[in-house]
Amino acid sequence: MFEFDVVGLSRLQFAATALFHFIFVPLTLGLSFLLAIMETIYFVSGKDIWRRMTLFWGTLFGINFAIGVGTGVVMEFQFGMNWSYYSHYVGDIFGAPLAIEGLMAFFLEATFIGLFFFGWNRMSKRAHLIVTWLVALGTNFSALWILVANGWMQYPVGAIFNPDTMRMEMTSFVEVILNPVAQAKFLHTVIAGYITGSMFLVAVSAWYLLRRRNVDLAKRSILVGSAFGMLVSLGSITLGDESGYLIGEHQQMKIAALEAMWETEPAPAPFNVIAIPNQAEMKNDFAIQIPWVMGLIGTRSFTEVMPGIHELIERAEGRVAEGIKAYSALEAVRANPADIEAKTYFTENWRNLGYGLLLKKYRDDIANATPEEVAMAARDTLPDVWPLFYGFRIMVALGFYFLIFFSIMFWLSVKNRVGAMTPGRLKFLMWNIFTPWVAIECGWFVAEYGRQPWVIDGILPTAYAASALSVTQLSISLAIYVTLYVTLFIIGTKVMLHAIRKGPDYYAPVIANSKPDTAAGRGVKPAVQH
């Protein structure tokens, strides 16, 4: 539940900026590969319409990319401003992938994007095609490092707590990069971007069909978008299953909350299709279940038991108690570095320290915590169930919807029936433009809110990570960020809509009047204006 305090406002501010930034990221990811596909067809076929398509959709890609970079830079400032202790605590691990991502985005990725826009008549067709593919690969590879950092927050590996520096320190960069949670998150996220790009092509092309403009280009765009969207939707469902399995393996409280699974069920556990979670009484007031499904998703086994929320809270009580001992051992080591007994105990049990820190919400001298306070700290490991339960189901339902949607659109495109669709159906296609963003924002909400009360799962409580700011300071900065982001969104939307209204024909004179492609040793067929 949201609390109007420093931690609550810090979380709200980061959530607002992150969710807003991720309006632009998936479209950039999706359009980059679609541009590469279109230009590949142009290179192979020599048909100039594919060049026009690449240039037009590339213009929209460029607008979106510019706004995404701007919002991303502002978001990263908050690590130092609002989460200074977090930055100190894990800067050794978290800073490395962020630095690499910055280098990728601002140097490698931006360089290739510049060549993409300004190299059409200065490079050979083959060289420009290579550049376009490098734009796609660079854009996606840039996203990898952010998701490596986020995956580490979900499942911290390749690091250890150093009592001398009071920080987490990296022990294996390879383990951090190859973190299975990070890799699954990366693939699932970029595929969500591919779905977004595909839906964007279909929806905008439907607008042109509705107005009988650029019909040939619109039909081809729908064919490419629906074919690509159908393939990646299958991948999204598959990787969603993989993500569910990894959550069940590494974040058991999160998956129990996602499923509103209060009691430990006999294996394999049932799946709650619909439920009314009652967190106050720690039960479901109503539920419709499908036998076995959750157990197979979460464990891929008919015999492995998935623990319920009650059992996980009991386990957390034990870890809070061990965390008290780890905290006491840490204090002993800090007071006397030669205390071998305390150092040995802490080395073996430092992963319980975070659970002990959960008691800071109730008292400063956690070594004297009462059993009641230990029980309350353990119960805090359970996030709010109902928003996670339904946010997850919206995301999953849309994932299957995308597969059906793109399959139907691909079939209609192959049968050349897209142009004969009624105005009502074309408007329906246009309104679908929002659906991938709904699924994506639900996915990020589930991933981040489901990790609470941890900023680093099992290691550092969120309440411990915030900067020493005031509610007034955070309220003012939140208002500034919201104003800035809303302004950027309005400007970006207007520029994007302006480009769409101008349409592909607006850019055709640029191609028709361009100089011959001398670097390729042959001329470029001029575009025909319609």
Protein backbone atom coordinates (compact mmCIF):
# COMPACT_ATOMS: atom_id res chain seq x y z
CA MET A 1 0.00 0.00 0.00
CA PHE A 2 1.31 3.46 -0.89
CA GLU A 3 2.51 5.63 2.02
CA PHE A 4 3.02 9.37 1.64
CA ASP A 5 6.57 9.36 3.02
CA VAL A 6 10.13 9.58 1.66
CA VAL A 7 10.26 5.95 0.57
CA GLY A 8 6.75 5.98 -0.90
CA LEU A 9 7.35 9.17 -2.88
CA SER A 10 10.76 7.93 -4.07
CA ARG A 11 9.14 4.74 -5.32
CA LEU A 12 6.29 6.66 -6.96
CA GLN A 13 8.70 9.01 -8.71
CA PHE A 14 10.88 6.22 -10.08
CA ALA A 15 7.84 4.18 -11.10
CA ALA A 16 6.33 7.15 -12.94
CA THR A 17 9.52 7.96 -14.86
CA ALA A 18 10.34 4.31 -15.59
CA LEU A 19 6.87 3.47 -16.87
CA PHE A 20 6.83 6.63 -18.97
CA HIS A 21 10.30 5.93 -20.40
CA PHE A 22 9.15 2.46 -21.35
CA ILE A 23 6.46 3.88 -23.58
CA PHE A 24 9.21 4.63 -26.11
CA VAL A 25 11.70 1.80 -25.59
CA PRO A 26 9.61 -1.13 -26.91
CA LEU A 27 8.63 0.75 -30.07
CA THR A 28 12.30 1.54 -30.73
CA LEU A 29 13.20 -2.12 -30.26
CA GLY A 30 10.42 -3.37 -32.52
CA LEU A 31 10.78 -0.87 -35.35
CA SER A 32 14.55 -1.37 -35.55
CA PHE A 33 14.21 -5.00 -36.65
CA LEU A 34 11.24 -4.28 -38.89
CA LEU A 35 13.31 -1.63 -40.68
CA ALA A 36 16.07 -4.17 -41.21
CA ILE A 37 13.58 -6.65 -42.66
CA MET A 38 12.10 -4.06 -45.03
CA GLU A 39 15.48 -2.91 -46.29
CA THR A 40 16.58 -6.51 -46.78
CA ILE A 41 13.57 -7.06 -49.05
CA TYR A 42 14.48 -3.85 -50.90
CA PHE A 43 18.07 -5.05 -51.33
CA VAL A 44 16.96 -8.44 -52.67
CA SER A 45 14.01 -7.33 -54.81
CA GLY A 46 15.18 -3.90 -55.97
CA LYS A 47 11.59 -2.61 -55.68
CA ASP A 48 11.69 1.01 -54.61
CA ILE A 49 8.50 0.79 -52.57
CA TRP A 50 10.45 -1.14 -49.93
CA ARG A 51 12.98 1.68 -49.78
CA ARG A 52 10.14 4.17 -49.30
CA MET A 53 8.73 1.98 -46.54
CA THR A 54 12.11 1.79 -44.82
CA LEU A 55 12.55 5.57 -44.98
CA PHE A 56 9.02 6.34 -43.75
CA TRP A 57 8.95 3.92 -40.83
CA GLY A 58 12.57 4.88 -40.13
CA THR A 59 11.47 8.49 -39.67
CA LEU A 60 8.95 7.43 -37.03
CA PHE A 61 11.65 5.25 -35.45
CA GLY A 62 13.98 8.24 -35.25
CA ILE A 63 11.40 10.47 -33.55
CA ASN A 64 10.62 7.77 -31.01
CA PHE A 65 14.30 7.01 -30.39
CA ALA A 66 15.13 10.67 -29.65
CA ILE A 67 12.38 11.00 -27.04
CA GLY A 68 13.29 7.64 -25.49
CA VAL A 69 16.92 8.67 -25.02
CA GLY A 70 15.90 11.94 -23.38
CA THR A 71 13.53 10.30 -20.90
CA GLY A 72 16.04 7.55 -20.12
CA VAL A 73 18.80 9.98 -19.18
CA VAL A 74 16.54 11.79 -16.72
CA MET A 75 15.47 8.49 -15.17
CA GLU A 76 19.05 7.40 -14.45
CA PHE A 77 19.71 10.62 -12.50
CA GLN A 78 17.36 9.33 -9.83
CA PHE A 79 19.73 6.57 -8.76
CA GLY A 80 21.99 9.23 -7.29
CA MET A 81 19.29 11.65 -6.19
CA ASN A 82 16.55 9.48 -4.69
CA TRP A 83 18.37 6.20 -4.08
CA SER A 84 21.81 7.27 -2.88
CA TYR A 85 22.23 4.45 -0.35
CA TYR A 86 21.23 1.93 -2.95
CA SER A 87 23.80 3.40 -5.34
CA HIS A 88 26.47 3.19 -2.63
CA TYR A 89 25.44 -0.33 -1.61
CA VAL A 90 25.48 -1.94 -5.06
CA GLY A 91 27.28 0.58 -7.26
CA ASP A 92 30.12 -1.89 -7.81
CA ILE A 93 27.72 -4.30 -9.58
CA PHE A 94 24.92 -2.09 -10.87
CA GLY A 95 27.20 0.61 -12.25
CA ALA A 96 29.06 -1.64 -14.70
CA PRO A 97 26.12 -2.64 -16.96
CA LEU A 98 24.70 0.90 -16.76
CA ALA A 99 28.01 2.34 -17.94
CA ILE A 100 28.18 -0.13 -20.82
CA GLU A 101 24.59 0.66 -21.77
CA GLY A 102 25.43 4.36 -21.84
CA LEU A 103 28.36 3.75 -24.14
CA MET A 104 26.23 1.54 -26.38
CA ALA A 105 23.34 4.03 -26.60
CA PHE A 106 25.26 7.26 -26.99
CA PHE A 107 28.14 6.13 -29.15
CA LEU A 108 27.64 2.87 -31.00
CA GLU A 109 23.85 2.96 -31.40
CA ALA A 110 23.65 6.68 -32.13
CA THR A 111 26.47 6.47 -34.69
CA PHE A 112 24.72 3.78 -36.70
CA ILE A 113 21.42 5.65 -36.52
CA GLY A 114 23.16 8.72 -37.95
CA LEU A 115 24.55 6.62 -40.80
CA PHE A 116 21.10 5.16 -41.38
CA PHE A 117 19.52 8.58 -41.93
CA PHE A 118 22.33 10.38 -43.71
CA GLY A 119 23.99 7.55 -45.58
CA TRP A 120 21.33 6.65 -48.13
CA ASN A 121 23.07 8.39 -51.04
CA ARG A 122 26.59 8.21 -49.67
CA MET A 123 26.86 4.46 -49.23
CA SER A 124 26.26 1.43 -51.39
CA LYS A 125 23.03 -0.50 -50.98
CA ARG A 126 24.92 -3.33 -49.30
CA ALA A 127 26.74 -1.00 -46.89
CA HIS A 128 23.53 0.78 -45.94
CA LEU A 129 21.79 -2.54 -45.36
CA ILE A 130 24.60 -3.57 -43.03
CA VAL A 131 24.21 -0.27 -41.18
CA THR A 132 20.46 -0.85 -40.76
CA TRP A 133 21.06 -4.30 -39.32
CA LEU A 134 23.68 -2.84 -36.99
CA VAL A 135 21.09 -0.28 -35.85
CA ALA A 136 18.73 -3.15 -34.99
CA LEU A 137 21.41 -5.20 -33.24
CA GLY A 138 22.85 -2.18 -31.43
CA THR A 139 19.44 -1.04 -30.22
CA ASN A 140 18.63 -4.48 -28.83
CA PHE A 141 22.12 -5.05 -27.44
CA SER A 142 21.87 -1.73 -25.62
CA ALA A 143 18.73 -2.97 -23.88
CA LEU A 144 20.60 -6.09 -22.72
CA TRP A 145 22.70 -4.18 -20.18
CA ILE A 146 19.77 -2.46 -18.52
CA LEU A 147 18.03 -5.82 -18.19
CA VAL A 148 21.19 -7.47 -16.84
CA ALA A 149 21.18 -4.84 -14.09
CA ASN A 150 17.46 -5.32 -13.44
CA GLY A 151 17.76 -9.10 -13.54
CA TRP A 152 20.48 -8.91 -10.91
CA MET A 153 18.10 -6.99 -8.64
CA GLN A 154 15.60 -9.83 -9.05
CA TYR A 155 18.18 -12.60 -8.53
CA PRO A 156 21.53 -11.31 -7.17
CA VAL A 157 24.40 -13.57 -8.22
CA GLY A 158 28.14 -13.12 -8.71
CA ALA A 159 28.48 -10.78 -5.71
CA ILE A 160 29.17 -10.82 -1.99
CA PHE A 161 28.76 -8.39 0.90
CA ASN A 162 32.04 -6.91 2.20
CA PRO A 163 31.79 -5.98 5.91
CA ASP A 164 34.85 -3.73 5.62
CA THR A 165 33.35 -1.45 2.95
CA MET A 166 29.69 -2.13 3.89
CA ARG A 167 28.92 -2.66 0.19
CA MET A 168 28.04 -5.45 -2.20
CA GLU A 169 31.04 -6.23 -4.39
CA MET A 170 31.20 -8.17 -7.63
CA THR A 171 32.93 -11.55 -7.60
CA SER A 172 32.11 -12.68 -11.16
CA PHE A 173 31.12 -10.41 -14.03
CA VAL A 174 30.36 -13.50 -16.11
CA GLU A 175 27.81 -14.72 -13.54
CA VAL A 176 26.14 -11.30 -13.52
CA ILE A 177 25.84 -11.28 -17.32
CA LEU A 178 24.75 -14.92 -17.63
CA ASN A 179 22.24 -14.63 -14.80
CA PRO A 180 19.35 -16.83 -16.05
CA VAL A 181 16.74 -14.38 -14.77
CA ALA A 182 18.42 -11.52 -16.64
CA GLN A 183 18.67 -13.49 -19.88
CA ALA A 184 15.02 -14.57 -19.76
CA LYS A 185 13.97 -11.02 -18.89
CA PHE A 186 16.00 -9.63 -21.80
CA LEU A 187 14.48 -11.97 -24.36
CA HIS A 188 10.96 -11.52 -23.03
CA THR A 189 11.33 -7.72 -23.02
CA VAL A 190 12.76 -7.35 -26.52
CA ILE A 191 10.10 -9.69 -27.91
CA ALA A 192 7.47 -7.49 -26.25
CA GLY A 193 9.09 -4.65 -28.19
CA TYR A 194 8.80 -6.61 -31.44
CA ILE A 195 5.09 -7.10 -30.76
CA THR A 196 4.74 -3.37 -30.13
CA GLY A 197 6.48 -2.50 -33.41
CA SER A 198 4.36 -5.00 -35.32
CA MET A 199 1.13 -3.65 -33.85
CA PHE A 200 2.26 -0.10 -34.62
CA LEU A 201 2.74 -1.03 -38.29
CA VAL A 202 -0.67 -2.66 -38.50
CA ALA A 203 -2.53 0.15 -36.72
CA VAL A 204 -0.95 3.05 -38.63
CA SER A 205 -1.34 1.19 -41.94
CA ALA A 206 -5.02 0.65 -41.13
CA TRP A 207 -5.36 4.44 -40.81
CA TYR A 208 -4.00 4.83 -44.35
CA LEU A 209 -6.35 2.14 -45.67
CA LEU A 210 -9.26 3.86 -43.98
CA ARG A 211 -8.42 7.04 -45.88
CA ARG A 212 -7.45 5.22 -49.09
CA ARG A 213 -3.95 6.67 -49.01
CA ASN A 214 -0.73 4.79 -49.81
CA VAL A 215 -2.75 1.60 -50.11
CA ASP A 216 0.04 -0.52 -51.59
CA LEU A 217 2.51 0.54 -48.92
CA ALA A 218 -0.04 0.01 -46.16
CA LYS A 219 -0.88 -3.51 -47.34
CA ARG A 220 2.78 -4.49 -47.47
CA SER A 221 3.39 -2.99 -44.04
CA ILE A 222 0.49 -4.98 -42.58
CA LEU A 223 1.88 -8.14 -44.17
CA VAL A 224 5.32 -7.58 -42.67
CA GLY A 225 3.94 -6.51 -39.30
CA SER A 226 1.49 -9.39 -38.98
CA ALA A 227 4.01 -12.05 -40.10
CA PHE A 228 6.66 -10.77 -37.70
CA GLY A 229 4.09 -10.24 -34.95
CA MET A 230 2.76 -13.78 -35.28
CA LEU A 231 6.23 -15.31 -34.95
CA VAL A 232 7.31 -13.20 -32.00
CA SER A 233 3.98 -13.71 -30.21
CA LEU A 234 4.77 -17.42 -30.13
CA GLY A 235 8.16 -16.55 -28.68
CA SER A 236 6.58 -14.29 -26.09
CA ILE A 237 4.33 -17.08 -24.81
CA THR A 238 7.24 -19.51 -24.69
CA LEU A 239 9.52 -17.09 -22.85
CA GLY A 240 6.67 -16.12 -20.54
CA ASP A 241 6.54 -19.76 -19.50
CA GLU A 242 10.31 -19.70 -18.91
CA SER A 243 9.98 -16.56 -16.81
CA GLY A 244 7.26 -18.21 -14.73
CA TYR A 245 9.51 -21.18 -14.09
CA LEU A 246 12.44 -18.99 -13.05
CA ILE A 247 10.23 -16.94 -10.71
CA GLY A 248 9.00 -20.18 -9.16
CA GLU A 249 12.61 -21.23 -8.65
CA HIS A 250 14.13 -17.98 -7.39
CA GLN A 251 11.29 -15.72 -6.17
CA GLN A 252 8.77 -18.01 -4.54
CA MET A 253 6.92 -15.30 -2.64
CA LYS A 254 6.39 -13.34 -5.85
CA ILE A 255 4.85 -16.25 -7.71
CA ALA A 256 2.70 -17.19 -4.70
CA ALA A 257 1.39 -13.60 -4.64
CA LEU A 258 0.81 -13.62 -8.43
CA GLU A 259 -1.34 -16.70 -8.01
CA ALA A 260 -2.99 -15.72 -4.71
CA MET A 261 -1.84 -19.12 -3.46
CA TRP A 262 -2.22 -18.82 0.31
CA GLU A 263 -1.88 -22.48 1.20
CA THR A 264 0.68 -25.02 0.06
CA GLU A 265 -1.22 -27.25 -2.36
CA PRO A 266 -0.43 -30.89 -3.19
CA ALA A 267 1.69 -31.18 -6.32
CA PRO A 268 1.02 -30.18 -9.02
CA ALA A 269 -0.63 -26.98 -7.77
CA PRO A 270 -3.81 -25.64 -9.43
CA PHE A 271 -4.01 -22.35 -11.32
CA ASN A 272 -6.43 -19.66 -10.09
CA VAL A 273 -8.09 -18.31 -13.23
CA ILE A 274 -10.14 -15.78 -11.29
CA ALA A 275 -10.00 -15.06 -7.57
CA ILE A 276 -10.95 -12.45 -4.99
CA PRO A 277 -7.88 -12.21 -2.73
CA ASN A 278 -8.51 -11.18 0.87
CA GLN A 279 -5.15 -10.08 2.23
CA ALA A 280 -6.53 -9.06 5.61
CA GLU A 281 -7.66 -12.62 6.32
CA MET A 282 -4.91 -14.23 4.17
CA LYS A 283 -7.29 -16.21 1.97
CA ASN A 284 -9.34 -16.04 -1.23
CA ASP A 285 -13.00 -15.22 -0.81
CA PHE A 286 -13.69 -16.78 -4.22
CA ALA A 287 -11.63 -18.67 -6.79
CA ILE A 288 -12.03 -20.63 -10.03
CA GLN A 289 -9.19 -23.10 -10.49
CA ILE A 290 -7.70 -25.26 -13.23
CA PRO A 291 -6.00 -28.32 -11.72
CA TRP A 292 -2.23 -28.91 -12.18
CA VAL A 293 -1.52 -25.92 -14.42
CA MET A 294 0.33 -23.71 -11.90
CA GLY A 295 2.46 -26.59 -10.67
CA LEU A 296 3.53 -27.45 -14.21
CA ILE A 297 4.35 -23.81 -15.00
CA GLY A 298 6.13 -23.08 -11.74
CA THR A 299 8.05 -26.35 -11.29
CA ARG A 300 7.73 -28.29 -14.59
CA SER A 301 7.10 -31.31 -12.43
CA PHE A 302 4.19 -33.47 -11.31
CA THR A 303 5.75 -34.11 -7.90
CA GLU A 304 7.47 -30.89 -6.77
CA VAL A 305 5.43 -28.87 -4.29
CA MET A 306 5.01 -25.10 -4.64
CA PRO A 307 4.95 -23.44 -1.20
CA GLY A 308 2.02 -21.19 -0.36
CA ILE A 309 2.11 -17.75 1.21
CA HIS A 310 1.56 -18.97 4.78
CA GLU A 311 4.49 -21.39 4.55
CA LEU A 312 6.73 -18.77 2.95
CA ILE A 313 5.97 -16.29 5.73
CA GLU A 314 6.92 -18.96 8.28
CA ARG A 315 10.21 -19.49 6.43
CA ALA A 316 10.75 -15.72 6.42
CA GLU A 317 10.36 -15.63 10.20
CA GLY A 318 13.27 -18.05 10.47
CA ARG A 319 15.38 -15.92 8.14
CA VAL A 320 14.54 -12.73 10.09
CA ALA A 321 15.71 -14.47 13.26
CA GLU A 322 18.92 -15.51 11.51
CA GLY A 323 19.23 -11.96 10.15
CA ILE A 324 19.30 -10.63 13.71
CA LYS A 325 22.27 -12.88 14.44
CA ALA A 326 23.97 -11.86 11.20
CA TYR A 327 23.46 -8.18 12.10
CA SER A 328 24.96 -8.76 15.53
CA ALA A 329 27.91 -10.59 13.98
CA LEU A 330 28.44 -7.68 11.57
CA GLU A 331 28.50 -5.22 14.45
CA ALA A 332 31.03 -7.43 16.24
CA VAL A 333 33.26 -7.59 13.14
CA ARG A 334 33.05 -3.82 12.68
CA ALA A 335 34.02 -3.28 16.32
CA ASN A 336 36.78 -5.89 16.28
CA PRO A 337 38.03 -7.06 12.84
CA ALA A 338 40.08 -9.74 14.61
CA ASP A 339 36.95 -11.50 15.93
CA ILE A 340 37.31 -14.69 13.88
CA GLU A 341 34.19 -16.34 15.30
CA ALA A 342 31.93 -13.40 14.36
CA LYS A 343 33.57 -13.04 10.94
CA THR A 344 33.10 -16.74 10.19
CA TYR A 345 29.45 -16.65 11.19
CA PHE A 346 28.78 -13.54 9.13
CA THR A 347 30.56 -14.96 6.07
CA GLU A 348 28.34 -18.03 6.22
CA ASN A 349 25.08 -16.17 6.94
CA TRP A 350 25.39 -12.71 5.35
CA ARG A 351 22.50 -13.46 2.96
CA ASN A 352 20.13 -13.32 5.94
CA LEU A 353 21.29 -9.79 6.83
CA GLY A 354 18.62 -8.20 4.62
CA TYR A 355 15.87 -10.04 6.48
CA GLY A 356 17.21 -8.64 9.75
CA LEU A 357 17.16 -5.14 8.26
CA LEU A 358 13.40 -5.49 7.70
CA LEU A 359 13.09 -4.96 11.47
CA LYS A 360 14.39 -1.39 11.11
CA LYS A 361 10.81 -0.45 10.27
CA TYR A 362 9.84 -1.35 13.83
CA ARG A 363 12.93 -0.60 15.94
CA ASP A 364 16.54 0.55 15.59
CA ASP A 365 18.05 -1.96 18.00
CA ILE A 366 17.02 -5.00 16.01
CA ALA A 367 19.01 -7.34 18.28
CA ASN A 368 16.26 -6.83 20.88
CA ALA A 369 13.34 -7.41 18.52
CA THR A 370 10.36 -9.19 20.04
CA PRO A 371 8.74 -12.30 18.49
CA GLU A 372 5.80 -10.11 17.48
CA GLU A 373 8.10 -7.74 15.61
CA VAL A 374 9.84 -10.65 13.92
CA ALA A 375 6.43 -11.93 12.79
CA MET A 376 5.47 -8.50 11.44
CA ALA A 377 8.75 -8.19 9.54
CA ALA A 378 8.21 -11.64 8.04
CA ARG A 379 4.70 -10.71 6.94
CA ASP A 380 6.15 -7.63 5.23
CA THR A 381 7.82 -9.97 2.72
CA LEU A 382 4.38 -10.40 1.14
CA PRO A 383 3.50 -7.66 -1.39
CA ASP A 384 -0.09 -6.58 -2.08
CA VAL A 385 -1.69 -9.58 -3.77
CA TRP A 386 -4.71 -8.31 -5.69
CA PRO A 387 -2.93 -5.81 -8.04
CA LEU A 388 -0.28 -8.43 -8.83
CA PHE A 389 -2.88 -11.13 -9.37
CA TYR A 390 -4.89 -9.15 -11.91
CA GLY A 391 -1.96 -7.30 -13.49
CA PHE A 392 -0.38 -10.64 -14.30
CA ARG A 393 -3.60 -11.99 -15.83
CA ILE A 394 -4.09 -8.94 -18.03
CA MET A 395 -0.57 -9.40 -19.37
CA VAL A 396 -1.04 -13.13 -20.02
CA ALA A 397 -4.45 -12.68 -21.65
CA LEU A 398 -3.05 -10.04 -24.01
CA GLY A 399 -0.13 -12.31 -24.86
CA PHE A 400 -2.50 -14.95 -26.22
CA TYR A 401 -4.64 -12.25 -27.85
CA PHE A 402 -1.64 -11.02 -29.84
CA LEU A 403 -1.02 -14.48 -31.26
CA ILE A 404 -4.65 -14.76 -32.41
CA PHE A 405 -4.72 -11.19 -33.73
CA PHE A 406 -1.54 -11.42 -35.80
CA SER A 407 -2.42 -14.88 -37.11
CA ILE A 408 -5.75 -13.59 -38.44
CA MET A 409 -4.13 -10.50 -39.94
CA PHE A 410 -1.42 -12.57 -41.62
CA TRP A 411 -4.03 -14.88 -43.13
CA LEU A 412 -6.04 -11.89 -44.42
CA SER A 413 -2.87 -10.35 -45.88
CA VAL A 414 -1.87 -13.54 -47.66
CA LYS A 415 -5.39 -13.83 -49.07
CA ASN A 416 -5.23 -10.15 -50.14
CA ARG A 417 -8.36 -9.31 -48.17
CA VAL A 418 -6.94 -6.50 -46.03
CA GLY A 419 -7.88 -3.82 -48.57
CA ALA A 420 -11.52 -4.95 -48.53
CA MET A 421 -11.97 -4.58 -44.76
CA THR A 422 -14.88 -2.43 -43.61
CA PRO A 423 -14.24 0.97 -41.98
CA GLY A 424 -15.38 -0.45 -38.65
CA ARG A 425 -12.79 -3.25 -38.77
CA LEU A 426 -10.05 -0.85 -39.82
CA LYS A 427 -10.88 1.38 -36.86
CA PHE A 428 -10.70 -1.71 -34.65
CA LEU A 429 -7.18 -2.36 -35.98
CA MET A 430 -6.24 1.25 -35.23
CA TRP A 431 -7.41 1.09 -31.61
CA ASN A 432 -5.30 -2.02 -31.05
CA ILE A 433 -2.24 0.21 -31.14
CA PHE A 434 -2.50 0.67 -27.37
CA THR A 435 -2.74 -3.00 -26.38
CA PRO A 436 1.00 -3.88 -26.40
CA TRP A 437 1.74 -0.97 -24.07
CA VAL A 438 -0.96 -2.15 -21.67
CA ALA A 439 0.64 -5.61 -21.57
CA ILE A 440 4.16 -4.19 -21.20
CA GLU A 441 3.31 -1.80 -18.38
CA CYS A 442 1.47 -4.60 -16.57
CA GLY A 443 4.54 -6.77 -16.99
CA TRP A 444 6.87 -4.18 -15.52
CA PHE A 445 4.47 -3.52 -12.65
CA VAL A 446 4.33 -7.23 -11.85
CA ALA A 447 8.12 -7.59 -12.03
CA GLU A 448 8.94 -4.56 -9.87
CA TYR A 449 6.02 -4.38 -7.45
CA GLY A 450 6.14 -8.14 -6.97
CA ARG A 451 9.72 -7.83 -5.66
CA GLN A 452 8.65 -5.65 -2.73
CA PRO A 453 9.68 -5.13 0.03
CA TRP A 454 13.09 -5.61 -1.61
CA VAL A 455 15.01 -3.29 -3.90
CA ILE A 456 17.48 -6.20 -4.26
CA ASP A 457 15.60 -9.42 -3.68
CA GLY A 458 16.44 -10.89 -0.27
CA ILE A 459 19.42 -8.55 0.17
CA LEU A 460 18.42 -4.90 0.64
CA PRO A 461 14.97 -3.69 1.76
CA THR A 462 13.52 -0.85 -0.30
CA ALA A 463 12.98 1.27 2.82
CA TYR A 464 16.72 1.08 3.50
CA ALA A 465 17.78 2.26 0.03
CA ALA A 466 16.29 5.75 -0.23
CA SER A 467 18.16 9.04 0.06
CA ALA A 468 17.85 11.34 3.09
CA LEU A 469 15.42 13.72 1.44
CA SER A 470 12.30 15.44 2.71
CA VAL A 471 8.72 14.87 1.60
CA THR A 472 8.64 18.46 0.34
CA GLN A 473 11.75 18.00 -1.81
CA LEU A 474 10.41 14.79 -3.30
CA SER A 475 6.98 16.30 -3.96
CA ILE A 476 8.55 19.24 -5.82
CA SER A 477 10.86 17.03 -7.89
CA LEU A 478 7.98 14.65 -8.65
CA ALA A 479 5.88 17.57 -9.92
CA ILE A 480 8.81 18.76 -12.07
CA TYR A 481 9.36 15.29 -13.54
CA VAL A 482 5.68 14.76 -14.28
CA THR A 483 5.45 18.17 -15.95
CA LEU A 484 8.59 17.55 -17.99
CA TYR A 485 7.54 14.07 -19.08
CA VAL A 486 4.00 15.08 -19.96
CA THR A 487 5.42 17.93 -22.05
CA LEU A 488 7.80 15.56 -23.83
CA PHE A 489 4.97 13.14 -24.43
CA ILE A 490 2.74 15.82 -25.96
CA ILE A 491 5.56 17.11 -28.16
CA GLY A 492 6.61 13.63 -29.23
CA THR A 493 3.03 12.58 -29.99
CA LYS A 494 2.41 15.70 -32.06
CA VAL A 495 5.62 15.24 -34.05
CA MET A 496 4.81 11.57 -34.62
CA LEU A 497 1.24 12.33 -35.72
CA HIS A 498 2.50 15.09 -38.00
CA ALA A 499 4.85 12.65 -39.71
CA ILE A 500 2.06 10.07 -40.07
CA ARG A 501 -0.34 12.63 -41.56
CA LYS A 502 2.32 13.75 -44.05
CA GLY A 503 2.75 10.11 -45.00
CA PRO A 504 5.30 8.30 -47.12
CA ASP A 505 4.65 10.56 -50.15
CA TYR A 506 6.00 13.52 -48.20
CA TYR A 507 9.42 11.89 -48.25
CA ALA A 508 9.24 10.66 -51.84
CA PRO A 509 10.69 13.88 -53.39
CA VAL A 510 13.76 13.45 -51.21
CA ILE A 511 14.35 10.09 -52.85
CA ALA A 512 13.31 11.12 -56.35
CA ASN A 513 15.64 14.13 -56.37
CA SER A 514 18.54 12.35 -54.71
CA LYS A 515 21.89 11.97 -56.37
CA PRO A 516 22.83 8.67 -58.00
CA ASP A 517 24.16 6.02 -55.69
CA THR A 518 27.72 6.47 -56.98
CA ALA A 519 29.26 4.48 -54.18
CA ALA A 520 27.42 1.45 -55.44
CA GLY A 521 28.51 2.08 -59.02
CA ARG A 522 24.94 2.37 -60.26
CA GLY A 523 21.97 4.69 -60.05
CA VAL A 524 19.00 4.45 -57.75
CA LYS A 525 15.59 4.16 -59.31
CA PRO A 526 13.64 7.26 -58.27
CA ALA A 527 10.50 6.89 -56.23
CA VAL A 528 7.23 7.37 -58.02
CA GLN A 529 4.89 9.82 -56.38
CA HIS A 530 1.25 8.87 -56.18
